[in-house]
Amino acid sequence: ESGGGLVQPGGSLRLSCVASTRISIYRMGWYRQAPGN
């Protein structure tokens, strides 16, 4: 993954995830985890 960082409220970011294999057959997802969650 790449593209994370610090941004102000209301701002935008684009995350990217590059795989080492062909992803066409995979279900691809983004998950998140905050501290304590």
PDB file of all heavy atoms in Angstrom:
ATOM      1  N   GLU A   1       0.833  -1.201   0.000  1.00  0.00           N
ATOM      2  CA  GLU A   1       0.000   0.000   0.000  1.00  0.00           C
ATOM      3  C   GLU A   1       0.871   1.255   0.000  1.00  0.00           C
ATOM      4  O   GLU A   1       2.000   1.244   0.503  1.00  0.00           O
ATOM      5  CB  GLU A   1      -0.901   0.052   1.229  1.00  0.00           C
ATOM      6  CG  GLU A   1      -1.849  -1.116   1.405  1.00  0.00           C
ATOM      7  CD  GLU A   1      -1.368  -2.095   2.442  1.00  0.00           C
ATOM      8  OE1 GLU A   1      -0.134  -2.166   2.654  1.00  0.00           O
ATOM      9  OE2 GLU A   1      -2.210  -2.785   3.050  1.00  0.00           O
ATOM     10  N   SER A   2       0.316   2.318  -0.514  1.00  0.00           N
ATOM     11  CA  SER A   2       0.969   3.629  -0.457  1.00  0.00           C
ATOM     12  C   SER A   2      -0.108   4.700  -0.535  1.00  0.00           C
ATOM     13  O   SER A   2      -1.264   4.414  -0.849  1.00  0.00           O
ATOM     14  CB  SER A   2       1.974   3.786  -1.595  1.00  0.00           C
ATOM     15  OG  SER A   2       1.321   3.710  -2.850  1.00  0.00           O
ATOM     16  N   GLY A   3       0.304   5.932  -0.239  1.00  0.00           N
ATOM     17  CA  GLY A   3      -0.611   7.062  -0.386  1.00  0.00           C
ATOM     18  C   GLY A   3      -1.166   7.614   0.911  1.00  0.00           C
ATOM     19  O   GLY A   3      -1.873   8.629   0.892  1.00  0.00           O
ATOM     20  N   GLY A   4      -0.872   6.973   2.018  1.00  0.00           N
ATOM     21  CA  GLY A   4      -1.348   7.496   3.279  1.00  0.00           C
ATOM     22  C   GLY A   4      -0.597   8.750   3.688  1.00  0.00           C
ATOM     23  O   GLY A   4       0.379   9.150   3.054  1.00  0.00           O
ATOM     24  N   GLY A   5      -1.074   9.371   4.755  1.00  0.00           N
ATOM     25  CA  GLY A   5      -0.410  10.572   5.242  1.00  0.00           C
ATOM     26  C   GLY A   5      -1.310  11.379   6.142  1.00  0.00           C
ATOM     27  O   GLY A   5      -2.350  10.905   6.601  1.00  0.00           O
ATOM     28  N   LEU A   6      -0.878  12.603   6.370  1.00  0.00           N
ATOM     29  CA  LEU A   6      -1.626  13.541   7.210  1.00  0.00           C
ATOM     30  C   LEU A   6      -2.403  14.498   6.310  1.00  0.00           C
ATOM     31  O   LEU A   6      -1.820  15.087   5.389  1.00  0.00           O
ATOM     32  CB  LEU A   6      -0.664  14.325   8.104  1.00  0.00           C
ATOM     33  CG  LEU A   6      -1.256  15.458   8.937  1.00  0.00           C
ATOM     34  CD1 LEU A   6      -2.249  14.912   9.949  1.00  0.00           C
ATOM     35  CD2 LEU A   6      -0.133  16.237   9.626  1.00  0.00           C
ATOM     36  N   VAL A   7      -3.677  14.657   6.584  1.00  0.00           N
ATOM     37  CA  VAL A   7      -4.515  15.548   5.788  1.00  0.00           C
ATOM     38  C   VAL A   7      -5.488  16.267   6.705  1.00  0.00           C
ATOM     39  O   VAL A   7      -5.875  15.733   7.748  1.00  0.00           O
ATOM     40  CB  VAL A   7      -5.261  14.746   4.698  1.00  0.00           C
ATOM     41  CG1 VAL A   7      -6.219  13.734   5.300  1.00  0.00           C
ATOM     42  CG2 VAL A   7      -5.979  15.657   3.715  1.00  0.00           C
ATOM     43  N   GLN A   8      -5.855  17.474   6.327  1.00  0.00           N
ATOM     44  CA  GLN A   8      -6.811  18.232   7.131  1.00  0.00           C
ATOM     45  C   GLN A   8      -8.244  17.733   6.885  1.00  0.00           C
ATOM     46  O   GLN A   8      -8.534  17.189   5.812  1.00  0.00           O
ATOM     47  CB  GLN A   8      -6.723  19.714   6.789  1.00  0.00           C
ATOM     48  CG  GLN A   8      -5.417  20.366   7.216  1.00  0.00           C
ATOM     49  CD  GLN A   8      -5.431  21.859   6.985  1.00  0.00           C
ATOM     50  OE1 GLN A   8      -6.247  22.393   6.229  1.00  0.00           O
ATOM     51  NE2 GLN A   8      -4.520  22.554   7.654  1.00  0.00           N
ATOM     52  N   PRO A   9      -9.118  17.940   7.838  1.00  0.00           N
ATOM     53  CA  PRO A   9     -10.529  17.583   7.621  1.00  0.00           C
ATOM     54  C   PRO A   9     -11.065  18.252   6.363  1.00  0.00           C
ATOM     55  O   PRO A   9     -10.775  19.416   6.098  1.00  0.00           O
ATOM     56  CB  PRO A   9     -11.217  18.115   8.875  1.00  0.00           C
ATOM     57  CG  PRO A   9     -10.158  18.074   9.928  1.00  0.00           C
ATOM     58  CD  PRO A   9      -8.884  18.416   9.218  1.00  0.00           C
ATOM     59  N   GLY A  10     -11.814  17.472   5.594  1.00  0.00           N
ATOM     60  CA  GLY A  10     -12.328  17.959   4.333  1.00  0.00           C
ATOM     61  C   GLY A  10     -11.425  17.685   3.152  1.00  0.00           C
ATOM     62  O   GLY A  10     -11.832  17.885   2.001  1.00  0.00           O
ATOM     63  N   GLY A  11     -10.221  17.248   3.429  1.00  0.00           N
ATOM     64  CA  GLY A  11      -9.259  16.979   2.362  1.00  0.00           C
ATOM     65  C   GLY A  11      -9.452  15.620   1.720  1.00  0.00           C
ATOM     66  O   GLY A  11     -10.385  14.876   2.046  1.00  0.00           O
ATOM     67  N   SER A  12      -8.538  15.311   0.796  1.00  0.00           N
ATOM     68  CA  SER A  12      -8.617  14.067   0.028  1.00  0.00           C
ATOM     69  C   SER A  12      -7.274  13.357   0.027  1.00  0.00           C
ATOM     70  O   SER A  12      -6.217  13.992   0.140  1.00  0.00           O
ATOM     71  CB  SER A  12      -9.019  14.372  -1.421  1.00  0.00           C
ATOM     72  OG  SER A  12     -10.295  14.954  -1.495  1.00  0.00           O
ATOM     73  N   LEU A  13      -7.354  12.053  -0.112  1.00  0.00           N
ATOM     74  CA  LEU A  13      -6.185  11.206  -0.318  1.00  0.00           C
ATOM     75  C   LEU A  13      -6.579  10.085  -1.258  1.00  0.00           C
ATOM     76  O   LEU A  13      -7.744   9.675  -1.286  1.00  0.00           O
ATOM     77  CB  LEU A  13      -5.691  10.591   0.997  1.00  0.00           C
ATOM     78  CG  LEU A  13      -4.903  11.444   1.975  1.00  0.00           C
ATOM     79  CD1 LEU A  13      -4.632  10.654   3.246  1.00  0.00           C
ATOM     80  CD2 LEU A  13      -3.590  11.916   1.367  1.00  0.00           C
ATOM     81  N   ARG A  14      -5.586   9.578  -1.980  1.00  0.00           N
ATOM     82  CA  ARG A  14      -5.818   8.376  -2.779  1.00  0.00           C
ATOM     83  C   ARG A  14      -4.801   7.325  -2.370  1.00  0.00           C
ATOM     84  O   ARG A  14      -3.586   7.543  -2.489  1.00  0.00           O
ATOM     85  CB  ARG A  14      -5.701   8.649  -4.276  1.00  0.00           C
ATOM     86  CG  ARG A  14      -6.149   7.439  -5.105  1.00  0.00           C
ATOM     87  CD  ARG A  14      -6.153   7.682  -6.595  1.00  0.00           C
ATOM     88  NE  ARG A  14      -4.838   7.528  -7.195  1.00  0.00           N
ATOM     89  CZ  ARG A  14      -4.633   7.183  -8.465  1.00  0.00           C
ATOM     90  NH1 ARG A  14      -5.674   6.942  -9.252  1.00  0.00           N
ATOM     91  NH2 ARG A  14      -3.409   7.090  -8.951  1.00  0.00           N
ATOM     92  N   LEU A  15      -5.318   6.214  -1.923  1.00  0.00           N
ATOM     93  CA  LEU A  15      -4.476   5.081  -1.562  1.00  0.00           C
ATOM     94  C   LEU A  15      -4.329   4.153  -2.760  1.00  0.00           C
ATOM     95  O   LEU A  15      -5.265   3.987  -3.535  1.00  0.00           O
ATOM     96  CB  LEU A  15      -5.077   4.305  -0.395  1.00  0.00           C
ATOM     97  CG  LEU A  15      -5.393   5.092   0.876  1.00  0.00           C
ATOM     98  CD1 LEU A  15      -5.901   4.149   1.954  1.00  0.00           C
ATOM     99  CD2 LEU A  15      -4.197   5.885   1.355  1.00  0.00           C
ATOM    100  N   SER A  16      -3.149   3.561  -2.861  1.00  0.00           N
ATOM    101  CA  SER A  16      -2.888   2.578  -3.915  1.00  0.00           C
ATOM    102  C   SER A  16      -2.390   1.289  -3.278  1.00  0.00           C
ATOM    103  O   SER A  16      -1.735   1.309  -2.234  1.00  0.00           O
ATOM    104  CB  SER A  16      -1.825   3.102  -4.884  1.00  0.00           C
ATOM    105  OG  SER A  16      -2.235   4.290  -5.512  1.00  0.00           O
ATOM    106  N   CYS A  17      -2.692   0.197  -3.936  1.00  0.00           N
ATOM    107  CA  CYS A  17      -2.227  -1.109  -3.473  1.00  0.00           C
ATOM    108  C   CYS A  17      -1.791  -1.893  -4.705  1.00  0.00           C
ATOM    109  O   CYS A  17      -2.626  -2.180  -5.581  1.00  0.00           O
ATOM    110  CB  CYS A  17      -3.336  -1.845  -2.743  1.00  0.00           C
ATOM    111  SG  CYS A  17      -2.991  -3.581  -2.365  1.00  0.00           S
ATOM    112  N   VAL A  18      -0.505  -2.197  -4.758  1.00  0.00           N
ATOM    113  CA  VAL A  18       0.045  -2.949  -5.877  1.00  0.00           C
ATOM    114  C   VAL A  18       0.264  -4.393  -5.451  1.00  0.00           C
ATOM    115  O   VAL A  18       0.881  -4.652  -4.410  1.00  0.00           O
ATOM    116  CB  VAL A  18       1.359  -2.327  -6.366  1.00  0.00           C
ATOM    117  CG1 VAL A  18       1.908  -3.126  -7.542  1.00  0.00           C
ATOM    118  CG2 VAL A  18       1.150  -0.874  -6.769  1.00  0.00           C
ATOM    119  N   ALA A  19      -0.219  -5.311  -6.268  1.00  0.00           N
ATOM    120  CA  ALA A  19      -0.090  -6.736  -5.969  1.00  0.00           C
ATOM    121  C   ALA A  19       1.030  -7.363  -6.793  1.00  0.00           C
ATOM    122  O   ALA A  19       1.352  -6.901  -7.890  1.00  0.00           O
ATOM    123  CB  ALA A  19      -1.400  -7.454  -6.262  1.00  0.00           C
ATOM    124  N   SER A  20       1.574  -8.442  -6.248  1.00  0.00           N
ATOM    125  CA  SER A  20       2.670  -9.143  -6.917  1.00  0.00           C
ATOM    126  C   SER A  20       2.166 -10.175  -7.914  1.00  0.00           C
ATOM    127  O   SER A  20       2.971 -10.886  -8.521  1.00  0.00           O
ATOM    128  CB  SER A  20       3.562  -9.828  -5.884  1.00  0.00           C
ATOM    129  OG  SER A  20       2.824 -10.804  -5.163  1.00  0.00           O
ATOM    130  N   THR A  21       0.849 -10.247  -8.062  1.00  0.00           N
ATOM    131  CA  THR A  21       0.266 -11.212  -8.969  1.00  0.00           C
ATOM    132  C   THR A  21      -0.931 -10.578  -9.661  1.00  0.00           C
ATOM    133  O   THR A  21      -1.360  -9.480  -9.301  1.00  0.00           O
ATOM    134  CB  THR A  21      -0.166 -12.479  -8.204  1.00  0.00           C
ATOM    135  OG1 THR A  21      -0.509 -13.511  -9.123  1.00  0.00           O
ATOM    136  CG2 THR A  21      -1.383 -12.185  -7.326  1.00  0.00           C
ATOM    137  N   ARG A  22      -1.455 -11.268 -10.648  1.00  0.00           N
ATOM    138  CA  ARG A  22      -2.637 -10.755 -11.327  1.00  0.00           C
ATOM    139  C   ARG A  22      -3.819 -10.779 -10.363  1.00  0.00           C
ATOM    140  O   ARG A  22      -4.080 -11.782  -9.712  1.00  0.00           O
ATOM    141  CB  ARG A  22      -2.928 -11.612 -12.553  1.00  0.00           C
ATOM    142  CG  ARG A  22      -1.853 -11.536 -13.613  1.00  0.00           C
ATOM    143  CD  ARG A  22      -2.150 -12.462 -14.769  1.00  0.00           C
ATOM    144  NE  ARG A  22      -3.372 -12.042 -15.476  1.00  0.00           N
ATOM    145  CZ  ARG A  22      -3.861 -12.670 -16.541  1.00  0.00           C
ATOM    146  NH1 ARG A  22      -3.249 -13.743 -17.003  1.00  0.00           N
ATOM    147  NH2 ARG A  22      -4.957 -12.239 -17.123  1.00  0.00           N
ATOM    148  N   ILE A  23      -4.518  -9.654 -10.300  1.00  0.00           N
ATOM    149  CA  ILE A  23      -5.592  -9.531  -9.309  1.00  0.00           C
ATOM    150  C   ILE A  23      -6.976  -9.720  -9.915  1.00  0.00           C
ATOM    151  O   ILE A  23      -7.977  -9.614  -9.209  1.00  0.00           O
ATOM    152  CB  ILE A  23      -5.552  -8.159  -8.596  1.00  0.00           C
ATOM    153  CG1 ILE A  23      -5.799  -7.019  -9.591  1.00  0.00           C
ATOM    154  CG2 ILE A  23      -4.234  -7.975  -7.861  1.00  0.00           C
ATOM    155  CD1 ILE A  23      -6.044  -5.678  -8.933  1.00  0.00           C
ATOM    156  N   SER A  24      -7.037 -10.010 -11.199  1.00  0.00           N
ATOM    157  CA  SER A  24      -8.336 -10.019 -11.873  1.00  0.00           C
ATOM    158  C   SER A  24      -9.322 -11.012 -11.279  1.00  0.00           C
ATOM    159  O   SER A  24     -10.528 -10.805 -11.362  1.00  0.00           O
ATOM    160  CB  SER A  24      -8.145 -10.290 -13.370  1.00  0.00           C
ATOM    161  OG  SER A  24      -7.490 -11.532 -13.563  1.00  0.00           O
ATOM    162  N   ILE A  25      -8.816 -12.093 -10.677  1.00  0.00           N
ATOM    163  CA  ILE A  25      -9.735 -13.093 -10.148  1.00  0.00           C
ATOM    164  C   ILE A  25     -10.047 -12.874  -8.670  1.00  0.00           C
ATOM    165  O   ILE A  25     -10.872 -13.576  -8.102  1.00  0.00           O
ATOM    166  CB  ILE A  25      -9.174 -14.518 -10.333  1.00  0.00           C
ATOM    167  CG1 ILE A  25      -7.844 -14.682  -9.586  1.00  0.00           C
ATOM    168  CG2 ILE A  25      -9.026 -14.848 -11.811  1.00  0.00           C
ATOM    169  CD1 ILE A  25      -7.325 -16.112  -9.575  1.00  0.00           C
ATOM    170  N   TYR A  26      -9.397 -11.901  -8.065  1.00  0.00           N
ATOM    171  CA  TYR A  26      -9.551 -11.672  -6.631  1.00  0.00           C
ATOM    172  C   TYR A  26     -10.628 -10.643  -6.323  1.00  0.00           C
ATOM    173  O   TYR A  26     -10.834  -9.697  -7.080  1.00  0.00           O
ATOM    174  CB  TYR A  26      -8.241 -11.181  -6.014  1.00  0.00           C
ATOM    175  CG  TYR A  26      -7.183 -12.241  -5.877  1.00  0.00           C
ATOM    176  CD1 TYR A  26      -6.323 -12.529  -6.939  1.00  0.00           C
ATOM    177  CD2 TYR A  26      -7.033 -12.953  -4.697  1.00  0.00           C
ATOM    178  CE1 TYR A  26      -5.348 -13.503  -6.815  1.00  0.00           C
ATOM    179  CE2 TYR A  26      -6.058 -13.924  -4.565  1.00  0.00           C
ATOM    180  CZ  TYR A  26      -5.222 -14.190  -5.623  1.00  0.00           C
ATOM    181  OH  TYR A  26      -4.253 -15.156  -5.495  1.00  0.00           O
ATOM    182  N   ARG A  27     -11.286 -10.847  -5.222  1.00  0.00           N
ATOM    183  CA  ARG A  27     -12.056  -9.785  -4.610  1.00  0.00           C
ATOM    184  C   ARG A  27     -11.041  -8.899  -3.884  1.00  0.00           C
ATOM    185  O   ARG A  27     -10.294  -9.371  -3.034  1.00  0.00           O
ATOM    186  CB  ARG A  27     -13.058 -10.343  -3.613  1.00  0.00           C
ATOM    187  CG  ARG A  27     -13.806  -9.309  -2.780  1.00  0.00           C
ATOM    188  CD  ARG A  27     -14.659 -10.022  -1.747  1.00  0.00           C
ATOM    189  NE  ARG A  27     -15.408  -9.147  -0.873  1.00  0.00           N
ATOM    190  CZ  ARG A  27     -14.958  -8.699   0.293  1.00  0.00           C
ATOM    191  NH1 ARG A  27     -13.766  -9.042   0.721  1.00  0.00           N
ATOM    192  NH2 ARG A  27     -15.720  -7.923   1.038  1.00  0.00           N
ATOM    193  N   MET A  28     -11.019  -7.626  -4.205  1.00  0.00           N
ATOM    194  CA  MET A  28     -10.063  -6.694  -3.599  1.00  0.00           C
ATOM    195  C   MET A  28     -10.800  -5.776  -2.633  1.00  0.00           C
ATOM    196  O   MET A  28     -11.899  -5.292  -2.923  1.00  0.00           O
ATOM    197  CB  MET A  28      -9.369  -5.861  -4.670  1.00  0.00           C
ATOM    198  CG  MET A  28      -8.602  -6.682  -5.693  1.00  0.00           C
ATOM    199  SD  MET A  28      -7.282  -7.679  -4.969  1.00  0.00           S
ATOM    200  CE  MET A  28      -6.199  -6.411  -4.293  1.00  0.00           C
ATOM    201  N   GLY A  29     -10.178  -5.539  -1.497  1.00  0.00           N
ATOM    202  CA  GLY A  29     -10.834  -4.708  -0.501  1.00  0.00           C
ATOM    203  C   GLY A  29      -9.876  -3.823   0.262  1.00  0.00           C
ATOM    204  O   GLY A  29      -8.652  -4.046   0.266  1.00  0.00           O
ATOM    205  N   TRP A  30     -10.445  -2.808   0.848  1.00  0.00           N
ATOM    206  CA  TRP A  30      -9.733  -1.941   1.772  1.00  0.00           C
ATOM    207  C   TRP A  30     -10.408  -2.049   3.135  1.00  0.00           C
ATOM    208  O   TRP A  30     -11.639  -1.952   3.232  1.00  0.00           O
ATOM    209  CB  TRP A  30      -9.758  -0.487   1.298  1.00  0.00           C
ATOM    210  CG  TRP A  30      -8.896  -0.213   0.118  1.00  0.00           C
ATOM    211  CD1 TRP A  30      -9.267  -0.184  -1.185  1.00  0.00           C
ATOM    212  CD2 TRP A  30      -7.500   0.079   0.152  1.00  0.00           C
ATOM    213  NE1 TRP A  30      -8.184   0.102  -1.979  1.00  0.00           N
ATOM    214  CE2 TRP A  30      -7.075   0.275  -1.175  1.00  0.00           C
ATOM    215  CE3 TRP A  30      -6.541   0.205   1.169  1.00  0.00           C
ATOM    216  CZ2 TRP A  30      -5.765   0.583  -1.529  1.00  0.00           C
ATOM    217  CZ3 TRP A  30      -5.239   0.513   0.825  1.00  0.00           C
ATOM    218  CH2 TRP A  30      -4.854   0.696  -0.497  1.00  0.00           C
ATOM    219  N   TYR A  31      -9.587  -2.244   4.150  1.00  0.00           N
ATOM    220  CA  TYR A  31     -10.038  -2.305   5.531  1.00  0.00           C
ATOM    221  C   TYR A  31      -9.281  -1.241   6.316  1.00  0.00           C
ATOM    222  O   TYR A  31      -8.250  -0.748   5.862  1.00  0.00           O
ATOM    223  CB  TYR A  31      -9.756  -3.686   6.131  1.00  0.00           C
ATOM    224  CG  TYR A  31     -10.601  -4.793   5.572  1.00  0.00           C
ATOM    225  CD1 TYR A  31     -10.396  -5.271   4.280  1.00  0.00           C
ATOM    226  CD2 TYR A  31     -11.608  -5.389   6.331  1.00  0.00           C
ATOM    227  CE1 TYR A  31     -11.171  -6.295   3.766  1.00  0.00           C
ATOM    228  CE2 TYR A  31     -12.385  -6.416   5.835  1.00  0.00           C
ATOM    229  CZ  TYR A  31     -12.158  -6.865   4.550  1.00  0.00           C
ATOM    230  OH  TYR A  31     -12.927  -7.882   4.045  1.00  0.00           O
ATOM    231  N   ARG A  32      -9.781  -0.929   7.483  1.00  0.00           N
ATOM    232  CA  ARG A  32      -9.066  -0.005   8.345  1.00  0.00           C
ATOM    233  C   ARG A  32      -9.193  -0.434   9.799  1.00  0.00           C
ATOM    234  O   ARG A  32     -10.145  -1.096  10.183  1.00  0.00           O
ATOM    235  CB  ARG A  32      -9.560   1.434   8.160  1.00  0.00           C
ATOM    236  CG  ARG A  32     -10.994   1.686   8.635  1.00  0.00           C
ATOM    237  CD  ARG A  32     -11.420   3.098   8.254  1.00  0.00           C
ATOM    238  NE  ARG A  32     -12.773   3.385   8.698  1.00  0.00           N
ATOM    239  CZ  ARG A  32     -13.443   4.486   8.357  1.00  0.00           C
ATOM    240  NH1 ARG A  32     -12.872   5.396   7.565  1.00  0.00           N
ATOM    241  NH2 ARG A  32     -14.672   4.677   8.810  1.00  0.00           N
ATOM    242  N   GLN A  33      -8.208   0.000  10.564  1.00  0.00           N
ATOM    243  CA  GLN A  33      -8.212  -0.300  11.993  1.00  0.00           C
ATOM    244  C   GLN A  33      -7.688   0.906  12.745  1.00  0.00           C
ATOM    245  O   GLN A  33      -6.537   1.319  12.538  1.00  0.00           O
ATOM    246  CB  GLN A  33      -7.370  -1.532  12.301  1.00  0.00           C
ATOM    247  CG  GLN A  33      -7.465  -1.985  13.747  1.00  0.00           C
ATOM    248  CD  GLN A  33      -6.859  -3.353  13.963  1.00  0.00           C
ATOM    249  OE1 GLN A  33      -6.081  -3.847  13.156  1.00  0.00           O
ATOM    250  NE2 GLN A  33      -7.236  -3.998  15.066  1.00  0.00           N
ATOM    251  N   ALA A  34      -8.530   1.462  13.586  1.00  0.00           N
ATOM    252  CA  ALA A  34      -8.146   2.557  14.469  1.00  0.00           C
ATOM    253  C   ALA A  34      -7.727   1.982  15.817  1.00  0.00           C
ATOM    254  O   ALA A  34      -8.149   0.883  16.181  1.00  0.00           O
ATOM    255  CB  ALA A  34      -9.307   3.520  14.636  1.00  0.00           C
ATOM    256  N   PRO A  35      -6.910   2.703  16.572  1.00  0.00           N
ATOM    257  CA  PRO A  35      -6.457   2.209  17.877  1.00  0.00           C
ATOM    258  C   PRO A  35      -7.640   1.832  18.761  1.00  0.00           C
ATOM    259  O   PRO A  35      -8.598   2.603  18.909  1.00  0.00           O
ATOM    260  CB  PRO A  35      -5.691   3.393  18.449  1.00  0.00           C
ATOM    261  CG  PRO A  35      -5.198   4.130  17.264  1.00  0.00           C
ATOM    262  CD  PRO A  35      -6.275   3.995  16.234  1.00  0.00           C
ATOM    263  N   GLY A  36      -7.585   0.629  19.324  1.00  0.00           N
ATOM    264  CA  GLY A  36      -8.633   0.169  20.217  1.00  0.00           C
ATOM    265  C   GLY A  36      -9.855  -0.400  19.526  1.00  0.00           C
ATOM    266  O   GLY A  36     -10.787  -0.862  20.195  1.00  0.00           O
ATOM    267  N   ASN A  37      -9.842  -0.363  18.190  1.00  0.00           N
ATOM    268  CA  ASN A  37     -10.993  -0.855  17.428  1.00  0.00           C
ATOM    269  C   ASN A  37     -10.627  -2.102  16.638  1.00  0.00           C
ATOM    270  O   ASN A  37      -9.458  -2.374  16.374  1.00  0.00           O
ATOM    271  CB  ASN A  37     -11.494   0.222  16.461  1.00  0.00           C
ATOM    272  CG  ASN A  37     -12.135   1.391  17.163  1.00  0.00           C
ATOM    273  OD1 ASN A  37     -12.307   1.379  18.376  1.00  0.00           O
ATOM    274  ND2 ASN A  37     -12.482   2.404  16.405  1.00  0.00           N
TER     275      ASN A  37
END
